[in-house]
Amino acid sequence: MGAPINPLHVPANDEAHDLTSTKILTRRRLGAHGVPHAPVLVRRRRTRGFVQVASSVTAERLRLNTFGHAYLGLGALLIAVLFYLALAAQATQASYQIAQLQDQQRQLIAEQDQLKYQEVTMQAPAQVQQQAAQSGMQRVVPSRYVQGNEVAIDLTTPVGEGPPDTTPLWLRAVALVVNTVGGTRDVQAASKH
């Protein structure tokens, strides 16, 4: 066993004659990964927010530890709660004052209406009497009432029925005879007009 046998008689490829780049050839020679590259340092600009900068500066100036930050946060929260409670108390007090003023307004309006009524009842008859005296009129006490006409209403008739028939009995008998003999019903109606 000597040299390897190439069954297809295809000549072996020579890397130098292939149309490949030198970069590909060096990768093939050195392996899959090639030469380890030097790490590329990308400078990232680190930006911090205003609150972070302010808290770090404050912490440096006040030299506070983590408990100090917690105490400061609780203190700020306590102050905010106290402000809220003060505003709520003022709003409640204002609503009570508004309700009290509305009740007072209702009482004053009722009193004003009462005074207007008293003024009208006291001044109206006196003013009318004074103007009548100025124009030469005198108040006369009525000696009798005006007589009214009597109204003929039959209170014994049931409610809901039409007016009672006031046609004389003899006219009704004649109309009955004429209607049965003649077959007309308009005899009585014609006699009424």
C-alpha atoms as a PDB file:
ATOM      1  CA  MET A   1       0.000   0.000   0.000  1.00  0.00           C
ATOM      2  CA  GLY A   2       1.625   2.927  -1.086  1.00  0.00           C
ATOM      3  CA  ALA A   3       0.163   6.055  -2.426  1.00  0.00           C
ATOM      4  CA  PRO A   4      -3.511   6.710  -2.146  1.00  0.00           C
ATOM      5  CA  ILE A   5      -5.500   5.767  -5.171  1.00  0.00           C
ATOM      6  CA  ASN A   6      -7.682   8.446  -6.735  1.00  0.00           C
ATOM      7  CA  PRO A   7     -10.555   6.559  -8.347  1.00  0.00           C
ATOM      8  CA  LEU A   8     -11.683   9.329 -10.647  1.00  0.00           C
ATOM      9  CA  HIS A   9      -8.225  10.303 -11.719  1.00  0.00           C
ATOM     10  CA  VAL A  10      -8.965  13.877 -10.767  1.00  0.00           C
ATOM     11  CA  PRO A  11      -5.817  15.780 -10.029  1.00  0.00           C
ATOM     12  CA  ALA A  12      -5.615  17.171  -6.497  1.00  0.00           C
ATOM     13  CA  ASN A  13      -6.476  20.795  -6.139  1.00  0.00           C
ATOM     14  CA  ASP A  14      -3.665  23.103  -5.495  1.00  0.00           C
ATOM     15  CA  GLU A  15      -4.635  25.904  -3.170  1.00  0.00           C
ATOM     16  CA  ALA A  16      -2.390  28.324  -4.921  1.00  0.00           C
ATOM     17  CA  HIS A  17      -4.215  28.003  -8.212  1.00  0.00           C
ATOM     18  CA  ASP A  18      -7.768  28.372  -6.835  1.00  0.00           C
ATOM     19  CA  LEU A  19      -9.522  31.686  -7.059  1.00  0.00           C
ATOM     20  CA  THR A  20      -9.758  32.307  -3.359  1.00  0.00           C
ATOM     21  CA  SER A  21      -8.638  35.282  -1.392  1.00  0.00           C
ATOM     22  CA  THR A  22      -5.693  35.277   0.892  1.00  0.00           C
ATOM     23  CA  LYS A  23      -7.889  35.898   3.842  1.00  0.00           C
ATOM     24  CA  ILE A  24      -9.810  32.691   3.188  1.00  0.00           C
ATOM     25  CA  LEU A  25      -6.607  30.769   2.723  1.00  0.00           C
ATOM     26  CA  THR A  26      -5.181  31.966   6.023  1.00  0.00           C
ATOM     27  CA  ARG A  27      -8.366  31.014   7.804  1.00  0.00           C
ATOM     28  CA  ARG A  28      -8.161  27.541   6.322  1.00  0.00           C
ATOM     29  CA  ARG A  29      -4.603  27.154   7.447  1.00  0.00           C
ATOM     30  CA  LEU A  30      -5.109  28.403  10.952  1.00  0.00           C
ATOM     31  CA  GLY A  31      -8.375  26.631  11.629  1.00  0.00           C
ATOM     32  CA  ALA A  32     -11.950  27.661  11.900  1.00  0.00           C
ATOM     33  CA  HIS A  33     -11.443  30.652  14.188  1.00  0.00           C
ATOM     34  CA  GLY A  34      -8.197  31.962  12.971  1.00  0.00           C
ATOM     35  CA  VAL A  35      -5.951  34.172  15.040  1.00  0.00           C
ATOM     36  CA  PRO A  36      -7.604  35.603  18.069  1.00  0.00           C
ATOM     37  CA  HIS A  37      -8.200  39.246  17.555  1.00  0.00           C
ATOM     38  CA  ALA A  38      -7.381  41.886  20.081  1.00  0.00           C
ATOM     39  CA  PRO A  39     -10.513  42.995  21.924  1.00  0.00           C
ATOM     40  CA  VAL A  40     -12.020  46.085  20.450  1.00  0.00           C
ATOM     41  CA  LEU A  41     -12.697  48.664  23.086  1.00  0.00           C
ATOM     42  CA  VAL A  42     -15.807  50.591  22.339  1.00  0.00           C
ATOM     43  CA  ARG A  43     -16.149  53.601  24.518  1.00  0.00           C
ATOM     44  CA  ARG A  44     -19.685  53.961  25.601  1.00  0.00           C
ATOM     45  CA  ARG A  45     -20.813  57.196  26.939  1.00  0.00           C
ATOM     46  CA  ARG A  46     -22.535  56.615  30.209  1.00  0.00           C
ATOM     47  CA  THR A  47     -25.191  59.190  30.874  1.00  0.00           C
ATOM     48  CA  ARG A  48     -26.920  59.396  34.176  1.00  0.00           C
ATOM     49  CA  GLY A  49     -30.175  61.071  34.894  1.00  0.00           C
ATOM     50  CA  PHE A  50     -30.586  64.246  36.873  1.00  0.00           C
ATOM     51  CA  VAL A  51     -31.994  62.417  39.885  1.00  0.00           C
ATOM     52  CA  GLN A  52     -29.051  60.002  39.968  1.00  0.00           C
ATOM     53  CA  VAL A  53     -26.517  62.821  39.757  1.00  0.00           C
ATOM     54  CA  ALA A  54     -28.346  64.897  42.340  1.00  0.00           C
ATOM     55  CA  SER A  55     -28.680  61.996  44.769  1.00  0.00           C
ATOM     56  CA  SER A  56     -25.022  61.026  44.429  1.00  0.00           C
ATOM     57  CA  VAL A  57     -23.888  64.634  44.940  1.00  0.00           C
ATOM     58  CA  THR A  58     -26.191  64.988  47.935  1.00  0.00           C
ATOM     59  CA  ALA A  59     -24.965  61.699  49.375  1.00  0.00           C
ATOM     60  CA  GLU A  60     -21.343  62.842  48.981  1.00  0.00           C
ATOM     61  CA  ARG A  61     -21.995  66.210  50.612  1.00  0.00           C
ATOM     62  CA  LEU A  62     -24.100  64.862  53.460  1.00  0.00           C
ATOM     63  CA  ARG A  63     -22.110  61.631  53.771  1.00  0.00           C
ATOM     64  CA  LEU A  64     -25.240  59.512  54.177  1.00  0.00           C
ATOM     65  CA  ASN A  65     -25.405  55.755  54.145  1.00  0.00           C
ATOM     66  CA  THR A  66     -28.341  53.658  52.820  1.00  0.00           C
ATOM     67  CA  PHE A  67     -30.308  54.137  56.042  1.00  0.00           C
ATOM     68  CA  GLY A  68     -29.895  57.879  55.654  1.00  0.00           C
ATOM     69  CA  HIS A  69     -31.427  57.681  52.177  1.00  0.00           C
ATOM     70  CA  ALA A  70     -34.351  55.684  53.556  1.00  0.00           C
ATOM     71  CA  TYR A  71     -34.870  58.218  56.353  1.00  0.00           C
ATOM     72  CA  LEU A  72     -34.786  61.091  53.864  1.00  0.00           C
ATOM     73  CA  GLY A  73     -37.367  59.323  51.667  1.00  0.00           C
ATOM     74  CA  LEU A  74     -39.654  58.641  54.623  1.00  0.00           C
ATOM     75  CA  GLY A  75     -39.293  62.255  55.771  1.00  0.00           C
ATOM     76  CA  ALA A  76     -40.251  63.546  52.324  1.00  0.00           C
ATOM     77  CA  LEU A  77     -43.232  61.175  52.243  1.00  0.00           C
ATOM     78  CA  LEU A  78     -44.310  62.304  55.724  1.00  0.00           C
ATOM     79  CA  ILE A  79     -44.151  65.962  54.672  1.00  0.00           C
ATOM     80  CA  ALA A  80     -46.242  65.215  51.551  1.00  0.00           C
ATOM     81  CA  VAL A  81     -48.868  63.394  53.661  1.00  0.00           C
ATOM     82  CA  LEU A  82     -49.033  66.295  56.120  1.00  0.00           C
ATOM     83  CA  PHE A  83     -49.541  68.781  53.278  1.00  0.00           C
ATOM     84  CA  TYR A  84     -52.324  66.590  51.890  1.00  0.00           C
ATOM     85  CA  LEU A  85     -54.032  66.384  55.276  1.00  0.00           C
ATOM     86  CA  ALA A  86     -53.799  70.151  55.746  1.00  0.00           C
ATOM     87  CA  LEU A  87     -55.405  70.745  52.341  1.00  0.00           C
ATOM     88  CA  ALA A  88     -58.152  68.212  53.066  1.00  0.00           C
ATOM     89  CA  ALA A  89     -58.887  69.889  56.411  1.00  0.00           C
ATOM     90  CA  GLN A  90     -59.131  73.294  54.732  1.00  0.00           C
ATOM     91  CA  ALA A  91     -61.471  71.918  52.061  1.00  0.00           C
ATOM     92  CA  THR A  92     -63.699  70.331  54.725  1.00  0.00           C
ATOM     93  CA  GLN A  93     -63.806  73.534  56.738  1.00  0.00           C
ATOM     94  CA  ALA A  94     -64.669  75.534  53.616  1.00  0.00           C
ATOM     95  CA  SER A  95     -67.524  73.142  52.772  1.00  0.00           C
ATOM     96  CA  TYR A  96     -68.935  73.516  56.307  1.00  0.00           C
ATOM     97  CA  GLN A  97     -68.756  77.296  56.015  1.00  0.00           C
ATOM     98  CA  ILE A  98     -70.489  77.176  52.627  1.00  0.00           C
ATOM     99  CA  ALA A  99     -73.298  75.015  54.046  1.00  0.00           C
ATOM    100  CA  GLN A 100     -73.670  77.364  57.012  1.00  0.00           C
ATOM    101  CA  LEU A 101     -73.834  80.416  54.727  1.00  0.00           C
ATOM    102  CA  GLN A 102     -76.429  78.720  52.528  1.00  0.00           C
ATOM    103  CA  ASP A 103     -78.615  78.004  55.576  1.00  0.00           C
ATOM    104  CA  GLN A 104     -78.245  81.606  56.691  1.00  0.00           C
ATOM    105  CA  GLN A 105     -79.204  82.785  53.193  1.00  0.00           C
ATOM    106  CA  ARG A 106     -82.338  80.606  53.222  1.00  0.00           C
ATOM    107  CA  GLN A 107     -83.352  82.013  56.606  1.00  0.00           C
ATOM    108  CA  LEU A 108     -82.812  85.592  55.421  1.00  0.00           C
ATOM    109  CA  ILE A 109     -84.856  84.995  52.266  1.00  0.00           C
ATOM    110  CA  ALA A 110     -87.713  83.509  54.317  1.00  0.00           C
ATOM    111  CA  GLU A 111     -87.588  86.469  56.704  1.00  0.00           C
ATOM    112  CA  GLN A 112     -87.557  88.884  53.762  1.00  0.00           C
ATOM    113  CA  ASP A 113     -90.616  87.184  52.234  1.00  0.00           C
ATOM    114  CA  GLN A 114     -92.419  87.396  55.589  1.00  0.00           C
ATOM    115  CA  LEU A 115     -91.634  91.120  55.871  1.00  0.00           C
ATOM    116  CA  LYS A 116     -92.818  91.751  52.296  1.00  0.00           C
ATOM    117  CA  TYR A 117     -96.093  89.978  53.089  1.00  0.00           C
ATOM    118  CA  GLN A 118     -96.589  92.023  56.237  1.00  0.00           C
ATOM    119  CA  GLU A 119     -95.818  95.221  54.342  1.00  0.00           C
ATOM    120  CA  VAL A 120     -98.345  94.398  51.625  1.00  0.00           C
ATOM    121  CA  THR A 121    -101.081  93.464  54.097  1.00  0.00           C
ATOM    122  CA  MET A 122    -100.530  96.591  56.197  1.00  0.00           C
ATOM    123  CA  GLN A 123    -100.125  99.157  53.459  1.00  0.00           C
ATOM    124  CA  ALA A 124    -102.529  98.008  50.777  1.00  0.00           C
ATOM    125  CA  PRO A 125    -105.873  98.686  52.570  1.00  0.00           C
ATOM    126  CA  ALA A 126    -104.601 101.888  54.120  1.00  0.00           C
ATOM    127  CA  GLN A 127    -103.256 103.122  50.803  1.00  0.00           C
ATOM    128  CA  VAL A 128    -106.495 102.303  48.983  1.00  0.00           C
ATOM    129  CA  GLN A 129    -108.518 104.057  51.683  1.00  0.00           C
ATOM    130  CA  GLN A 130    -106.248 107.116  51.522  1.00  0.00           C
ATOM    131  CA  GLN A 131    -106.468 107.380  47.720  1.00  0.00           C
ATOM    132  CA  ALA A 132    -110.247 106.946  47.880  1.00  0.00           C
ATOM    133  CA  ALA A 133    -110.520 109.742  50.448  1.00  0.00           C
ATOM    134  CA  GLN A 134    -108.354 112.015  48.286  1.00  0.00           C
ATOM    135  CA  SER A 135    -110.605 111.457  45.289  1.00  0.00           C
ATOM    136  CA  GLY A 136    -113.760 112.175  47.338  1.00  0.00           C
ATOM    137  CA  MET A 137    -115.042 108.618  47.786  1.00  0.00           C
ATOM    138  CA  GLN A 138    -116.456 107.252  50.975  1.00  0.00           C
ATOM    139  CA  ARG A 139    -116.674 103.717  52.215  1.00  0.00           C
ATOM    140  CA  VAL A 140    -120.281 102.571  52.485  1.00  0.00           C
ATOM    141  CA  VAL A 141    -121.327  99.604  54.534  1.00  0.00           C
ATOM    142  CA  PRO A 142    -123.451  97.275  52.343  1.00  0.00           C
ATOM    143  CA  SER A 143    -127.050  97.089  53.547  1.00  0.00           C
ATOM    144  CA  ARG A 144    -128.281  94.204  51.398  1.00  0.00           C
ATOM    145  CA  TYR A 145    -127.041  91.607  48.956  1.00  0.00           C
ATOM    146  CA  VAL A 146    -127.964  91.324  45.295  1.00  0.00           C
ATOM    147  CA  GLN A 147    -130.677  88.762  44.637  1.00  0.00           C
ATOM    148  CA  GLY A 148    -129.880  85.988  42.185  1.00  0.00           C
ATOM    149  CA  ASN A 149    -132.163  84.093  39.783  1.00  0.00           C
ATOM    150  CA  GLU A 150    -133.304  80.634  40.749  1.00  0.00           C
ATOM    151  CA  VAL A 151    -131.918  77.803  38.685  1.00  0.00           C
ATOM    152  CA  ALA A 152    -134.117  74.855  37.842  1.00  0.00           C
ATOM    153  CA  ILE A 153    -131.990  71.805  38.561  1.00  0.00           C
ATOM    154  CA  ASP A 154    -133.537  68.451  39.312  1.00  0.00           C
ATOM    155  CA  LEU A 155    -131.308  66.994  41.969  1.00  0.00           C
ATOM    156  CA  THR A 156    -133.238  63.721  42.060  1.00  0.00           C
ATOM    157  CA  THR A 157    -132.169  62.582  38.587  1.00  0.00           C
ATOM    158  CA  PRO A 158    -129.376  60.011  38.482  1.00  0.00           C
ATOM    159  CA  VAL A 159    -125.950  61.199  37.399  1.00  0.00           C
ATOM    160  CA  GLY A 160    -124.905  60.326  33.858  1.00  0.00           C
ATOM    161  CA  GLU A 161    -128.330  60.195  32.179  1.00  0.00           C
ATOM    162  CA  GLY A 162    -129.421  62.752  29.648  1.00  0.00           C
ATOM    163  CA  PRO A 163    -131.832  65.573  30.461  1.00  0.00           C
ATOM    164  CA  PRO A 164    -135.382  64.456  31.355  1.00  0.00           C
ATOM    165  CA  ASP A 165    -137.983  64.396  28.581  1.00  0.00           C
ATOM    166  CA  THR A 166    -140.256  67.420  29.074  1.00  0.00           C
ATOM    167  CA  THR A 167    -142.501  66.703  26.074  1.00  0.00           C
ATOM    168  CA  PRO A 168    -146.189  66.616  27.068  1.00  0.00           C
ATOM    169  CA  LEU A 169    -147.742  63.166  27.347  1.00  0.00           C
ATOM    170  CA  TRP A 170    -150.441  63.806  24.693  1.00  0.00           C
ATOM    171  CA  LEU A 171    -147.736  64.793  22.140  1.00  0.00           C
ATOM    172  CA  ARG A 172    -145.829  61.586  22.858  1.00  0.00           C
ATOM    173  CA  ALA A 173    -149.014  59.513  22.306  1.00  0.00           C
ATOM    174  CA  VAL A 174    -149.732  61.216  18.957  1.00  0.00           C
ATOM    175  CA  ALA A 175    -146.152  60.680  17.848  1.00  0.00           C
ATOM    176  CA  LEU A 176    -146.350  56.989  18.783  1.00  0.00           C
ATOM    177  CA  VAL A 177    -149.523  56.496  16.706  1.00  0.00           C
ATOM    178  CA  VAL A 178    -148.177  58.384  13.708  1.00  0.00           C
ATOM    179  CA  ASN A 179    -144.860  56.517  13.835  1.00  0.00           C
ATOM    180  CA  THR A 180    -146.498  53.097  13.910  1.00  0.00           C
ATOM    181  CA  VAL A 181    -149.011  53.921  11.167  1.00  0.00           C
ATOM    182  CA  GLY A 182    -146.810  56.035   8.944  1.00  0.00           C
ATOM    183  CA  GLY A 183    -143.508  54.274   9.668  1.00  0.00           C
ATOM    184  CA  THR A 184    -141.578  57.497  10.189  1.00  0.00           C
ATOM    185  CA  ARG A 185    -139.697  58.446  13.271  1.00  0.00           C
ATOM    186  CA  ASP A 186    -139.253  62.119  12.528  1.00  0.00           C
ATOM    187  CA  VAL A 187    -142.759  63.330  13.443  1.00  0.00           C
ATOM    188  CA  GLN A 188    -141.907  64.239  17.002  1.00  0.00           C
ATOM    189  CA  ALA A 189    -138.600  65.770  15.964  1.00  0.00           C
ATOM    190  CA  ALA A 190    -140.351  67.932  13.362  1.00  0.00           C
ATOM    191  CA  SER A 191    -142.977  69.029  15.845  1.00  0.00           C
ATOM    192  CA  LYS A 192    -140.323  70.280  18.282  1.00  0.00           C
ATOM    193  CA  HIS A 193    -138.898  72.791  15.824  1.00  0.00           C
END
